Amino acid sequence: MMYGIPVVGWFMAFCYHVSLAIPFWFCWSVCNLGTKYFGFLPAHWQDISFWNCVGLFIVISIAKSVIVPSLASVSQINNEKTKMDNEKTKTN
């Protein structure tokens, strides 16, 4: 959603993803959750750098907005029949 606003939205989204990546990277790399629980992954995925983690969050966010654009879609159709029905209910 923030990517729709040029420059300012991109900066806000970048700051948001950096703030999300800090605790994730800390738990994954410093606390060794990647090594401890995901030992089946290749070694370079078990200990990722911070900026790769930020990039991962950005890519996932963009992919999510492309794949799932909205959870609910609302459409409203205004045609003559609905206008006439609305006028009839107002007069009654």
Protein backbone atom coordinates (compact mmCIF):
# COMPACT_ATOMS: atom_id res chain seq x y z
CA MET A 1 0.00 0.00 0.00
CA MET A 2 2.76 2.43 0.87
CA TYR A 3 4.53 1.67 -2.39
CA GLY A 4 1.81 3.55 -4.26
CA ILE A 5 3.11 6.89 -2.96
CA PRO A 6 6.33 7.73 -4.82
CA VAL A 7 9.49 8.53 -2.85
CA VAL A 8 7.80 9.33 0.50
CA GLY A 9 5.92 6.04 0.55
CA TRP A 10 9.01 4.15 -0.51
CA PHE A 11 10.99 5.72 2.32
CA MET A 12 8.23 4.96 4.84
CA ALA A 13 8.01 1.36 3.63
CA PHE A 14 11.78 1.00 3.83
CA CYS A 15 11.80 2.28 7.43
CA TYR A 16 8.93 -0.07 8.26
CA HIS A 17 10.75 -3.08 6.82
CA VAL A 18 13.99 -2.17 8.59
CA SER A 19 12.11 -2.00 11.88
CA LEU A 20 10.58 -5.42 11.19
CA ALA A 21 13.88 -6.93 10.15
CA ILE A 22 15.77 -5.93 13.30
CA PRO A 23 14.07 -8.36 15.73
CA PHE A 24 13.80 -11.08 13.09
CA TRP A 25 17.49 -10.85 12.22
CA PHE A 26 18.46 -10.72 15.89
CA CYS A 27 16.50 -13.87 16.70
CA TRP A 28 17.56 -15.66 13.51
CA SER A 29 21.27 -14.86 13.52
CA VAL A 30 22.36 -13.72 16.97
CA CYS A 31 20.18 -16.14 18.96
CA ASN A 32 20.99 -18.88 16.40
CA LEU A 33 17.40 -19.90 15.69
CA GLY A 34 18.37 -20.41 12.06
CA THR A 35 21.08 -22.87 12.98
CA LYS A 36 19.18 -24.54 15.79
CA TYR A 37 15.79 -25.15 14.18
CA PHE A 38 16.55 -24.92 10.47
CA GLY A 39 19.67 -27.03 10.21
CA PHE A 40 18.39 -28.57 6.98
CA LEU A 41 18.81 -25.24 5.16
CA PRO A 42 22.07 -24.37 3.41
CA ALA A 43 24.64 -22.63 5.63
CA HIS A 44 24.29 -19.23 3.95
CA TRP A 45 20.55 -19.21 4.75
CA GLN A 46 21.13 -20.13 8.37
CA ASP A 47 23.18 -17.00 9.00
CA ILE A 48 21.90 -14.25 6.71
CA SER A 49 23.17 -10.69 6.81
CA PHE A 50 20.96 -7.90 8.09
CA TRP A 51 20.53 -6.15 4.73
CA ASN A 52 19.61 -9.42 3.04
CA CYS A 53 16.96 -9.81 5.71
CA VAL A 54 15.62 -6.31 4.97
CA GLY A 55 15.56 -7.13 1.26
CA LEU A 56 13.69 -10.34 2.00
CA PHE A 57 11.01 -8.43 3.90
CA ILE A 58 10.66 -5.92 1.04
CA VAL A 59 10.39 -8.63 -1.61
CA ILE A 60 7.83 -10.58 0.41
CA SER A 61 5.76 -7.43 0.92
CA ILE A 62 5.77 -6.56 -2.78
CA ALA A 63 4.98 -10.16 -3.78
CA LYS A 64 2.12 -10.28 -1.29
CA SER A 65 0.61 -7.08 -2.66
CA VAL A 66 0.81 -8.46 -6.21
CA ILE A 67 -0.53 -11.94 -5.44
CA VAL A 68 -3.22 -10.91 -2.94
CA PRO A 69 -4.24 -7.36 -3.86
CA SER A 70 -7.12 -7.16 -1.41
CA LEU A 71 -8.81 -9.42 1.05
CA ALA A 72 -12.28 -8.09 0.31
CA SER A 73 -13.65 -6.57 -2.82
CA VAL A 74 -16.69 -4.33 -2.68
CA SER A 75 -18.46 -3.17 -5.78
CA GLN A 76 -21.36 -0.83 -6.12
CA ILE A 77 -23.55 -0.64 -9.20
CA ASN A 78 -25.69 2.42 -9.68
CA ASN A 79 -28.12 2.02 -12.50
CA GLU A 80 -31.56 3.39 -13.17
CA LYS A 81 -33.40 0.46 -11.59
CA THR A 82 -31.63 0.80 -8.26
CA LYS A 83 -32.14 4.57 -8.29
CA MET A 84 -35.85 4.11 -8.89
CA ASP A 85 -36.06 1.47 -6.15
CA ASN A 86 -34.31 3.80 -3.73
CA GLU A 87 -36.69 6.65 -4.57
CA LYS A 88 -39.71 4.39 -4.07
CA THR A 89 -38.53 3.29 -0.64
CA LYS A 90 -37.87 6.89 0.38
CA THR A 91 -41.36 8.02 -0.60
CA ASN A 92 -43.09 5.12 1.17
